[in-house]
Every structure is written in C-alpha cells, then in structure tokens.
Amino acid sequence: MTDDLRKPLNTGNILKNYTEPGTEEDAKTGTVRESLSLARKLEIRLALTLCRRRVVDAEFALAMFGISLMVLETELYINKITTKIDLVSFLLKGLISISTFLLLVAICVDYYISAHIRVVDSKLQNILSVMTLRDWVCLVLELIICSIHPFPGNFKFNYASKLGVIHSVSIDAIFSIAMLIRLYLICRFAVAHSNIVTDTFIYSIGIMSKTKINTSFVFKALINRRPGVLLIVVMVTTVLVNTWANRACELYFDRNKYTKNSFFESLWLITMVFLSSDHGDVLPESYCGRFVSVVTAVLGLITSSLLIAIIAQQIEHTRSEKHVFAFASRVQTSYRKKSAAADAIKSFFRLTVLTKAGNARHREVSRLKDKVKQSLKVMRTTREEMMDIHDDTVGVVDVAEVTWRVEQRVNLLESKFNAMDAKLDLILSKMEK
C-alpha cells in the first residue's frame, strides 16, 4: 500500500491505513504494509498532535468548569446561603458530574491519540504494542483522580473535634478538596500548546539524535527559557489554591468559625507554612486542614530548592564575563608573583652583602631570611592560583571551539596534501612518458 500525495490529509484514513493490524487477506497474499517516509511521518504526526491539542483543550476546559462549579457550590454552602438538599446544590453537583464524565472520556481519547502518535514514531501497526504497563497504570490513576467529585445528595460522616464534640460533616469536604488535584491538567495544557511539540524541525532533530520530545523535555526547555516567571507562577498558584483549600476544610468541619477575614487568616497560615516560618498560634484544627498544611510545606521546600538553583544560575558569570574576570585575575596574580620575586632577590642580595661584611646582626639576618622564605611561598601560591584560573576559564564550549578549529586546520592540510600528491603523480607520469 502506497501513499497518494495528491489526496488531502485525513487523520482517520491515516490511522486506518497505518495503525490497524493487517487483515487475513494480507496474510494470505503476503502483502506487507510499506513504511512511511520521514516527510510523510512528520505530516501525519503534526496532524495527530494538533488533534491531541484540541482534546487537551477540552480536558482543560472541562476540568476548570467543574472546579469553578465546585468552588461556587462550596462558597454558597460555607456562607450559609444554601444547604446540601437545596435545588441549587443538586443542579450544581449534577453539572459537576456531567463535566466529570465528559472529562473521563476526553482523557481516554487523549491516551488513544497519544498511542497513535507513538505508533507512527515506532513504525508499528498495533496500538496495544506501544501501550506499556506504565501507560495503563497512569491511565487508571488519572481516571480515578479525575472521577473524584462531590456527588448530588447530602452524605455525612461523624467527626470528633479536639474538645470531644461530635460534628456531622458533609463528605463533600473531602471530595471538594480532592477535586483540586485536577489542576495538574494545567501542565498538560501548557505542554500541548508549546511550539516545541508541533515544531517539525525540532522533532526531526530529535529523531536523528534519538531524543524523545516529551513532557519532560518541554518542561526542561521552559525552565531554561523563563525560570523566574515559571517559578513565580507556581508559587502564587500553590499559595492561593492551598489557602482556599485550608479555609474550606476548616469551615466545613466547623461552620460556626466563619468570619469575614477567614480567607486572610488562612492566607497568613499557608504563607508561613509555605515559607517554613513560625506561624504563631494560628493552627489548623481539622485533619483535612493539617493535611493541606503538610502538602504546602512539602511544596514550599521543593520550590525553595528550585529558587536557590535558579538564583545560583542567574548570578553565575556569562562566558564573556568569565573571560574578563579571568584575565583581570591573571594580571593581578602575575603582578603579585613578580613583586614577590623582586622582594626575594632584593632580600637575598642584602643578606649576602651583610653576611660578607661580617657586621650583620642576628635579628637582621633572621628577618631577611624570613622575608626570602615568605616571598618564595607567595611565588608558589601564585603559580597554583594561575593554574586554577586557567582550569576555571576553560569550559566545554571552549574545548569544543578549539577542537573544531583544529579539525578545520587538519582538513585544510589534508586537502593540500592530497592536491600535492595529485600534482606529484601528474609530474611522475609525465616524466615516465
């Protein structure tokens, strides 16, 4: 089966022609599907990537729509505007359930298209052959995580406070907070809309160098390009989301604690926990709030380590600055070495003159000897510093540049020698004639 390049690109026909297993008729006749050319493969992969981008957009929209409805229903309940048995609550939770079902379908379609992309990359004909155990586990975990949401109804469980008072708490307190895990789809949305994924030039280079252009590659590229912006967005998002989650936990388990400043109190607590600082006498009372605080502390430690790494990278000298600093350091070190050598020579000559004259005092001789020894020590130290400066200045880029220049010179000399050999052969052939 060959490709007709005059036909318009159709994703469905492509998948049917190149991803389905061979039929019995093909097996009987011995027909083998031909492999795709690189240009055709890039064209097919681009079409599948754009199709997957639309599916990821649907996932992101459904997830944000469900979370927005959940936040609205929770705020209405916390502010005592509605209850769990009101019609408004049933309607909102019903819409959340519908969006959750559509989200699960979109996730399955996303994995299906991703498998098709890997089929095209690996030149296989069966989708199941590219689905590993890790892929199946990730699919099941995503379906379980994204299926968690507050169900329509008024389901409660008993909770004992620190004072021993038993409260009847809605189970939505747990499901609503767990629903925030869907925010990981923001990362998938950002990756799907990255130009690195759809750039055929980068993908072709990845194929030739056997490098996978996946989510990890895109995130590393984003961190290298805009580390500060990415880190600030992660920090602000983490603090705001965990602030609302902590406030919802505390007010779900004790609705009488509601005050107008409850959000700012939670913001103070989460900010102090995120920064690993002392937060005073403000403590979460519910186990849900404590769990949110622990998660916030862990994320704060991770973000702090990333911040330190980014700051260390930003304050590092550039290549030109490193060479300028190394040149200045080399000049200063050379001056110190020459000054120490001059001091050593002057002290030695003076010591020699005083010794030959025979009228040198013991203290003066000892002082001159110590000065000579100190000068020699400075000379040895500066020599070691010069070697260290040279080692620090030469980097991988410099070695690669020197290697490239040497290779160019060798190729030039080789071409000249070949030309000389050709001329000598021509001269010898003429002499023989």
Protein backbone atom coordinates (compact mmCIF):
# COMPACT_ATOMS: atom_id res chain seq x y z
CA MET A 1 0.00 0.00 0.00
CA THR A 2 1.47 3.29 -1.10
CA ASP A 3 0.58 6.88 -0.23
CA ASP A 4 -1.17 9.12 -2.74
CA LEU A 5 0.28 12.54 -2.04
CA ARG A 6 -2.48 14.20 -4.08
CA LYS A 7 -5.14 13.17 -1.56
CA PRO A 8 -5.92 15.60 1.28
CA LEU A 9 -4.57 14.74 4.73
CA ASN A 10 -7.24 12.90 6.72
CA THR A 11 -6.40 11.75 10.22
CA GLY A 12 -9.00 8.99 10.18
CA ASN A 13 -7.73 7.47 6.93
CA ILE A 14 -4.15 7.75 8.17
CA LEU A 15 -4.95 5.88 11.35
CA LYS A 16 -6.91 3.27 9.42
CA ASN A 17 -4.17 2.69 6.88
CA TYR A 18 -1.12 2.71 9.15
CA THR A 19 -2.15 1.76 12.65
CA GLU A 20 -4.60 -1.10 12.22
CA PRO A 21 -3.17 -4.64 12.07
CA GLY A 22 -3.04 -6.44 8.76
CA THR A 23 -6.06 -8.40 7.58
CA GLU A 24 -6.27 -12.11 6.85
CA GLU A 25 -6.23 -11.34 3.13
CA ASP A 26 -2.92 -9.56 3.54
CA ALA A 27 -1.56 -12.53 5.43
CA LYS A 28 -2.65 -14.96 2.70
CA THR A 29 -1.29 -12.88 -0.17
CA GLY A 30 1.85 -12.00 1.77
CA THR A 31 1.22 -8.26 1.43
CA VAL A 32 3.35 -6.12 3.75
CA ARG A 33 2.48 -2.50 4.53
CA GLU A 34 5.21 -0.19 3.36
CA SER A 35 6.96 2.04 5.83
CA LEU A 36 6.33 5.76 5.79
CA SER A 37 8.86 8.27 4.58
CA LEU A 38 10.19 10.84 7.02
CA ALA A 39 8.27 13.71 5.40
CA ARG A 40 5.01 11.77 5.43
CA LYS A 41 5.63 10.70 9.02
CA LEU A 42 6.16 14.32 10.08
CA GLU A 43 2.96 15.32 8.30
CA ILE A 44 0.95 12.57 9.98
CA ARG A 45 2.44 13.30 13.37
CA LEU A 46 1.66 17.00 13.06
CA ALA A 47 -1.98 16.22 12.25
CA LEU A 48 -2.24 13.87 15.23
CA THR A 49 -0.53 16.40 17.51
CA LEU A 50 -2.99 19.12 16.53
CA CYS A 51 -5.87 16.69 17.11
CA ARG A 52 -4.47 15.86 20.54
CA ARG A 53 -4.15 19.58 21.28
CA ARG A 54 -7.89 20.02 20.72
CA VAL A 55 -8.61 17.09 23.04
CA VAL A 56 -6.32 18.56 25.72
CA ASP A 57 -8.14 21.89 25.33
CA ALA A 58 -11.40 20.06 26.01
CA GLU A 59 -9.86 18.37 29.08
CA PHE A 60 -8.64 21.70 30.43
CA ALA A 61 -11.99 23.43 29.83
CA LEU A 62 -13.99 20.62 31.45
CA ALA A 63 -11.64 20.46 34.45
CA MET A 64 -11.76 24.23 35.03
CA PHE A 65 -15.54 24.25 34.53
CA GLY A 66 -16.01 21.51 37.13
CA ILE A 67 -13.66 23.16 39.62
CA SER A 68 -15.41 26.52 39.18
CA LEU A 69 -18.81 24.94 39.87
CA MET A 70 -17.37 23.14 42.90
CA VAL A 71 -15.96 26.39 44.30
CA LEU A 72 -19.29 28.15 43.73
CA GLU A 73 -21.27 25.39 45.45
CA THR A 74 -18.82 25.28 48.37
CA GLU A 75 -18.91 29.05 48.88
CA LEU A 76 -22.73 29.04 48.85
CA TYR A 77 -22.73 26.31 51.49
CA ILE A 78 -20.00 27.90 53.65
CA ASN A 79 -21.73 31.29 53.63
CA LYS A 80 -24.97 29.53 54.68
CA ILE A 81 -26.81 30.69 51.56
CA THR A 82 -27.78 27.15 50.53
CA THR A 83 -27.75 23.68 52.04
CA LYS A 84 -26.85 20.33 50.58
CA ILE A 85 -30.52 19.45 49.99
CA ASP A 86 -31.46 22.60 48.07
CA LEU A 87 -32.26 22.53 44.37
CA VAL A 88 -29.36 24.85 43.53
CA SER A 89 -26.90 22.46 45.16
CA PHE A 90 -28.37 19.49 43.26
CA LEU A 91 -28.16 21.36 39.95
CA LEU A 92 -24.56 22.45 40.50
CA LYS A 93 -23.46 18.96 41.55
CA GLY A 94 -25.32 17.48 38.59
CA LEU A 95 -23.39 19.74 36.22
CA ILE A 96 -20.17 18.75 38.01
CA SER A 97 -20.98 15.05 37.48
CA ILE A 98 -21.72 15.61 33.77
CA SER A 99 -18.47 17.55 33.28
CA THR A 100 -16.59 14.81 35.15
CA PHE A 101 -17.98 12.11 32.84
CA LEU A 102 -17.02 14.11 29.75
CA LEU A 103 -13.57 14.71 31.27
CA LEU A 104 -13.01 10.97 31.72
CA VAL A 105 -13.99 10.38 28.09
CA ALA A 106 -11.58 13.11 26.96
CA ILE A 107 -8.75 11.54 28.98
CA CYS A 108 -9.33 8.17 27.30
CA VAL A 109 -9.33 9.83 23.87
CA ASP A 110 -6.12 11.66 24.79
CA TYR A 111 -4.37 8.40 25.62
CA TYR A 112 -5.75 6.85 22.42
CA ILE A 113 -4.32 9.63 20.23
CA SER A 114 -1.02 9.58 22.14
CA ALA A 115 -0.77 5.86 21.43
CA HIS A 116 -1.37 6.56 17.72
CA ILE A 117 1.46 9.11 17.75
CA ARG A 118 3.81 6.53 19.24
CA VAL A 119 2.66 4.02 16.63
CA VAL A 120 3.75 6.43 13.91
CA ASP A 121 7.05 7.10 15.70
CA SER A 122 7.91 3.44 16.23
CA LYS A 123 6.67 2.19 12.79
CA LEU A 124 4.32 -0.34 14.38
CA GLN A 125 0.81 -1.34 13.29
CA ASN A 126 -0.93 -2.14 16.57
CA ILE A 127 -1.83 0.33 19.31
CA LEU A 128 -1.62 -2.28 22.06
CA SER A 129 2.02 -2.96 21.20
CA VAL A 130 3.03 0.58 22.28
CA MET A 131 0.94 0.65 25.47
CA THR A 132 3.23 -0.35 28.32
CA LEU A 133 2.29 -1.27 31.88
CA ARG A 134 3.25 2.23 32.98
CA ASP A 135 0.82 3.74 30.47
CA TRP A 136 -2.05 1.57 31.70
CA VAL A 137 -1.28 2.41 35.33
CA CYS A 138 -1.15 6.14 34.54
CA LEU A 139 -4.45 5.91 32.68
CA VAL A 140 -6.16 4.15 35.57
CA LEU A 141 -4.72 6.62 38.10
CA GLU A 142 -5.87 9.61 36.05
CA LEU A 143 -9.36 8.16 35.70
CA ILE A 144 -9.55 7.56 39.46
CA ILE A 145 -8.22 11.03 40.33
CA CYS A 146 -10.44 12.89 37.87
CA SER A 147 -13.54 10.89 38.83
CA ILE A 148 -13.47 12.27 42.40
CA HIS A 149 -16.09 15.00 42.81
CA PRO A 150 -18.94 15.90 45.19
CA PHE A 151 -21.94 13.76 44.26
CA PRO A 152 -25.52 15.11 44.32
CA GLY A 153 -27.04 14.48 47.72
CA ASN A 154 -26.36 15.05 51.40
CA PHE A 155 -23.91 12.39 52.59
CA LYS A 156 -22.38 12.95 56.03
CA PHE A 157 -20.00 11.34 58.49
CA ASN A 158 -19.29 11.98 62.17
CA TYR A 159 -16.18 13.89 63.19
CA ALA A 160 -14.91 14.46 66.74
CA SER A 161 -13.17 17.78 67.41
CA LYS A 162 -10.26 18.32 69.82
CA LEU A 163 -12.74 19.11 72.60
CA GLY A 164 -14.58 15.83 72.03
CA VAL A 165 -17.60 17.43 70.36
CA ILE A 166 -19.01 15.26 67.58
CA HIS A 167 -19.94 17.12 64.38
CA SER A 168 -21.88 15.78 61.43
CA VAL A 169 -19.74 16.81 58.47
CA SER A 170 -20.64 16.56 54.78
CA ILE A 171 -18.46 14.18 52.79
CA ASP A 172 -18.12 16.94 50.19
CA ALA A 173 -15.39 18.40 52.41
CA ILE A 174 -13.08 15.60 51.25
CA PHE A 175 -14.29 15.26 47.66
CA SER A 176 -14.16 19.01 47.00
CA ILE A 177 -10.56 19.33 48.17
CA ALA A 178 -9.52 16.17 46.31
CA MET A 179 -11.09 17.61 43.16
CA LEU A 180 -8.39 20.29 43.13
CA ILE A 181 -5.90 17.63 42.03
CA ARG A 182 -7.32 18.14 38.54
CA LEU A 183 -5.20 21.28 38.35
CA TYR A 184 -2.35 19.09 37.07
CA LEU A 185 -4.11 19.33 33.70
CA ILE A 186 -2.80 22.91 33.51
CA CYS A 187 0.67 21.46 32.96
CA ARG A 188 -0.63 19.21 30.18
CA PHE A 189 -2.41 22.19 28.62
CA ALA A 190 0.81 24.24 28.68
CA VAL A 191 2.81 21.39 27.15
CA ALA A 192 0.24 20.77 24.40
CA HIS A 193 0.35 24.44 23.39
CA SER A 194 4.13 24.64 23.37
CA ASN A 195 5.74 25.29 19.98
CA ILE A 196 8.31 22.62 20.74
CA VAL A 197 5.71 19.86 20.41
CA THR A 198 4.42 20.95 16.99
CA ASP A 199 7.75 22.07 15.53
CA THR A 200 8.66 19.51 12.86
CA PHE A 201 12.25 20.78 12.74
CA ILE A 202 12.81 20.02 16.44
CA TYR A 203 11.07 16.66 16.06
CA SER A 204 13.21 15.67 13.06
CA ILE A 205 16.35 16.60 15.01
CA GLY A 206 15.04 14.52 17.91
CA ILE A 207 14.57 11.53 15.60
CA MET A 208 18.09 11.81 14.21
CA SER A 209 19.62 12.21 17.69
CA LYS A 210 17.28 9.59 19.23
CA THR A 211 15.95 12.11 21.75
CA LYS A 212 12.34 11.91 22.90
CA ILE A 213 10.40 15.17 22.59
CA ASN A 214 8.03 14.55 25.51
CA THR A 215 6.59 16.38 28.51
CA SER A 216 9.86 16.22 30.45
CA PHE A 217 11.76 17.75 27.52
CA VAL A 218 9.24 20.61 27.20
CA PHE A 219 9.34 21.42 30.93
CA LYS A 220 13.13 21.48 30.95
CA ALA A 221 13.05 23.85 27.98
CA LEU A 222 10.56 26.12 29.75
CA ILE A 223 12.69 26.16 32.91
CA ASN A 224 15.79 27.06 30.91
CA ARG A 225 14.00 29.80 28.97
CA ARG A 226 11.95 31.53 31.69
CA PRO A 227 12.84 30.09 35.09
CA GLY A 228 11.79 33.14 37.11
CA VAL A 229 8.35 33.53 35.55
CA LEU A 230 7.61 29.81 35.84
CA LEU A 231 8.68 29.69 39.48
CA ILE A 232 6.63 32.77 40.43
CA VAL A 233 3.53 31.33 38.76
CA VAL A 234 3.97 28.02 40.60
CA MET A 235 4.48 29.75 43.97
CA VAL A 236 1.49 32.10 43.64
CA THR A 237 -0.79 29.33 42.36
CA THR A 238 0.24 26.97 45.16
CA VAL A 239 -0.34 29.57 47.88
CA LEU A 240 -3.75 30.68 46.57
CA VAL A 241 -5.10 27.17 45.92
CA ASN A 242 -3.92 25.82 49.26
CA THR A 243 -5.29 28.89 51.05
CA TRP A 244 -8.76 28.25 49.69
CA ALA A 245 -8.44 24.52 50.42
CA ASN A 246 -7.42 25.16 54.04
CA ARG A 247 -10.27 27.66 54.51
CA ALA A 248 -12.79 25.22 53.03
CA CYS A 249 -11.55 22.42 55.28
CA GLU A 250 -11.79 24.48 58.46
CA LEU A 251 -15.24 25.88 57.67
CA TYR A 252 -16.65 22.55 56.50
CA PHE A 253 -15.74 20.93 59.79
CA ASP A 254 -16.91 23.88 61.90
CA ARG A 255 -19.28 26.27 60.14
CA ASN A 256 -19.53 28.47 63.22
CA LYS A 257 -15.93 29.64 62.71
CA TYR A 258 -16.84 31.68 59.63
CA THR A 259 -15.68 35.30 59.73
CA LYS A 260 -15.15 37.92 57.06
CA ASN A 261 -11.37 37.62 57.48
CA SER A 262 -11.26 33.82 57.31
CA PHE A 263 -9.59 33.88 53.87
CA PHE A 264 -6.84 36.24 55.03
CA GLU A 265 -6.24 34.17 58.16
CA SER A 266 -5.84 31.08 56.00
CA LEU A 267 -3.60 33.04 53.65
CA TRP A 268 -1.36 34.01 56.57
CA LEU A 269 -1.16 30.42 57.79
CA ILE A 270 -0.44 28.94 54.35
CA THR A 271 2.14 31.61 53.53
CA MET A 272 4.04 30.98 56.76
CA VAL A 273 3.90 27.21 56.24
CA PHE A 274 5.00 27.61 52.61
CA LEU A 275 7.98 29.69 53.71
CA SER A 276 8.75 27.25 56.57
CA SER A 277 8.41 30.09 59.10
CA ASP A 278 6.86 30.26 62.55
CA HIS A 279 3.13 30.88 62.16
CA GLY A 280 2.43 31.67 65.83
CA ASP A 281 -0.77 30.48 67.44
CA VAL A 282 -2.72 30.05 64.16
CA LEU A 283 -3.13 26.30 63.74
CA PRO A 284 -5.47 24.16 61.63
CA GLU A 285 -7.90 22.22 63.79
CA SER A 286 -9.26 19.70 61.28
CA TYR A 287 -7.27 16.78 59.91
CA CYS A 288 -8.10 17.98 56.42
CA GLY A 289 -6.55 21.39 57.14
CA ARG A 290 -3.48 19.76 58.65
CA PHE A 291 -3.06 17.60 55.56
CA VAL A 292 -3.24 20.71 53.37
CA SER A 293 -0.60 22.37 55.57
CA VAL A 294 1.73 19.38 55.22
CA VAL A 295 1.33 19.38 51.44
CA THR A 296 2.00 23.12 51.42
CA ALA A 297 5.19 22.66 53.46
CA VAL A 298 6.48 19.96 51.08
CA LEU A 299 5.74 22.11 48.03
CA GLY A 300 7.42 25.05 49.76
CA LEU A 301 10.61 23.04 50.30
CA ILE A 302 10.66 21.92 46.67
CA THR A 303 10.03 25.45 45.41
CA SER A 304 12.70 26.88 47.71
CA SER A 305 15.29 24.43 46.38
CA LEU A 306 14.34 25.35 42.80
CA LEU A 307 14.59 29.04 43.71
CA ILE A 308 18.10 28.56 45.09
CA ALA A 309 19.16 26.70 41.94
CA ILE A 310 17.72 29.42 39.68
CA ILE A 311 19.36 32.22 41.68
CA ALA A 312 22.70 30.39 41.55
CA GLN A 313 22.31 30.05 37.79
CA GLN A 314 21.41 33.72 37.33
CA ILE A 315 24.32 35.10 39.37
CA GLU A 316 26.84 32.96 37.53
CA HIS A 317 29.17 34.78 35.13
CA THR A 318 28.47 34.58 31.44
CA ARG A 319 31.16 33.32 29.11
CA SER A 320 32.44 36.80 28.22
CA GLU A 321 32.29 37.96 31.85
CA LYS A 322 34.16 34.85 32.92
CA HIS A 323 36.97 35.55 30.44
CA VAL A 324 37.22 39.20 31.52
CA PHE A 325 37.35 38.24 35.18
CA ALA A 326 39.91 35.52 34.47
CA PHE A 327 42.09 37.96 32.51
CA ALA A 328 41.98 40.53 35.33
CA SER A 329 42.74 37.85 37.93
CA ARG A 330 45.61 36.55 35.82
CA VAL A 331 47.12 40.06 35.54
CA GLN A 332 46.82 40.68 39.29
CA THR A 333 48.28 37.27 40.15
CA SER A 334 51.16 37.78 37.73
CA TYR A 335 51.89 41.17 39.32
CA ARG A 336 51.94 39.58 42.78
CA LYS A 337 54.29 36.87 41.54
CA LYS A 338 56.69 39.38 40.01
CA SER A 339 56.62 41.54 43.14
CA ALA A 340 57.35 38.51 45.32
CA ALA A 341 60.23 37.50 43.04
CA ALA A 342 61.68 41.02 43.22
CA ASP A 343 61.38 41.07 47.02
CA ALA A 344 63.09 37.68 47.22
CA ILE A 345 66.01 38.84 45.05
CA LYS A 346 66.45 42.11 46.99
CA SER A 347 66.34 40.35 50.36
CA PHE A 348 68.78 37.68 49.19
CA PHE A 349 71.31 40.22 47.88
CA ARG A 350 71.04 42.27 51.05
CA LEU A 351 71.50 39.17 53.16
CA THR A 352 74.57 38.22 51.11
CA VAL A 353 76.11 41.68 51.49
CA LEU A 354 75.56 41.74 55.24
CA THR A 355 76.95 38.23 55.63
CA LYS A 356 80.13 39.00 53.67
CA ALA A 357 80.65 42.27 55.55
CA GLY A 358 80.63 40.37 58.83
CA ASN A 359 78.82 43.07 60.79
CA ALA A 360 75.28 41.70 60.39
CA ARG A 361 73.17 41.38 63.46
CA HIS A 362 71.34 38.15 64.21
CA ARG A 363 67.89 39.80 64.22
CA GLU A 364 68.51 41.45 60.84
CA VAL A 365 69.68 38.15 59.32
CA SER A 366 66.65 36.30 60.65
CA ARG A 367 64.30 38.99 59.29
CA LEU A 368 65.83 38.82 55.81
CA LYS A 369 65.71 35.00 55.78
CA ASP A 370 62.04 35.06 56.78
CA LYS A 371 61.34 37.62 54.06
CA VAL A 372 63.01 35.40 51.44
CA LYS A 373 61.01 32.38 52.60
CA GLN A 374 57.76 34.39 52.57
CA SER A 375 58.48 35.65 49.05
CA LEU A 376 59.16 32.12 47.80
CA LYS A 377 55.92 30.93 49.41
CA VAL A 378 53.97 33.70 47.67
CA MET A 379 55.55 32.70 44.35
CA ARG A 380 54.47 29.08 44.79
CA THR A 381 50.96 30.16 45.81
CA THR A 382 50.55 32.47 42.83
CA ARG A 383 51.72 29.72 40.47
CA GLU A 384 49.00 27.42 41.80
CA GLU A 385 46.43 30.23 41.52
CA MET A 386 47.40 30.78 37.89
CA MET A 387 46.80 27.09 37.17
CA ASP A 388 43.41 27.20 38.90
CA ILE A 389 42.38 30.31 36.96
CA HIS A 390 43.32 28.59 33.71
CA ASP A 391 41.33 25.47 34.63
CA ASP A 392 38.27 27.50 35.63
CA THR A 393 38.36 29.58 32.46
CA VAL A 394 38.46 26.69 30.03
CA GLY A 395 34.97 25.20 29.71
CA VAL A 396 33.26 22.65 27.50
CA VAL A 397 32.36 25.32 24.94
CA ASP A 398 35.99 26.46 24.70
CA VAL A 399 37.22 22.90 24.28
CA ALA A 400 34.61 22.30 21.57
CA GLU A 401 35.62 25.50 19.76
CA VAL A 402 39.32 24.63 19.87
CA THR A 403 38.55 21.10 18.68
CA TRP A 404 36.51 22.48 15.80
CA ARG A 405 39.34 24.83 14.79
CA VAL A 406 41.90 22.02 14.94
CA GLU A 407 39.62 19.84 12.84
CA GLN A 408 39.27 22.61 10.25
CA ARG A 409 43.05 23.03 10.10
CA VAL A 410 43.58 19.28 9.76
CA ASN A 411 41.02 19.08 6.95
CA LEU A 412 42.70 22.00 5.19
CA LEU A 413 46.13 20.39 5.49
CA GLU A 414 44.73 17.07 4.31
CA SER A 415 43.22 18.69 1.23
CA LYS A 416 46.53 20.44 0.47
CA PHE A 417 48.47 17.19 0.85
CA ASN A 418 46.03 15.42 -1.45
CA ALA A 419 46.47 18.19 -4.02
CA MET A 420 50.25 17.88 -3.71
CA ASP A 421 50.04 14.11 -4.14
CA ALA A 422 47.93 14.58 -7.25
CA LYS A 423 50.45 17.06 -8.69
CA LEU A 424 53.37 14.74 -7.89
CA ASP A 425 51.59 11.84 -9.55
CA LEU A 426 50.99 14.01 -12.60
CA ILE A 427 54.65 15.09 -12.72
CA LEU A 428 55.86 11.49 -12.34
CA SER A 429 53.53 10.29 -15.07
CA LYS A 430 54.82 13.00 -17.44
CA MET A 431 58.44 12.14 -16.60
CA GLU A 432 57.83 8.47 -17.33
CA LYS A 433 56.42 9.35 -20.72
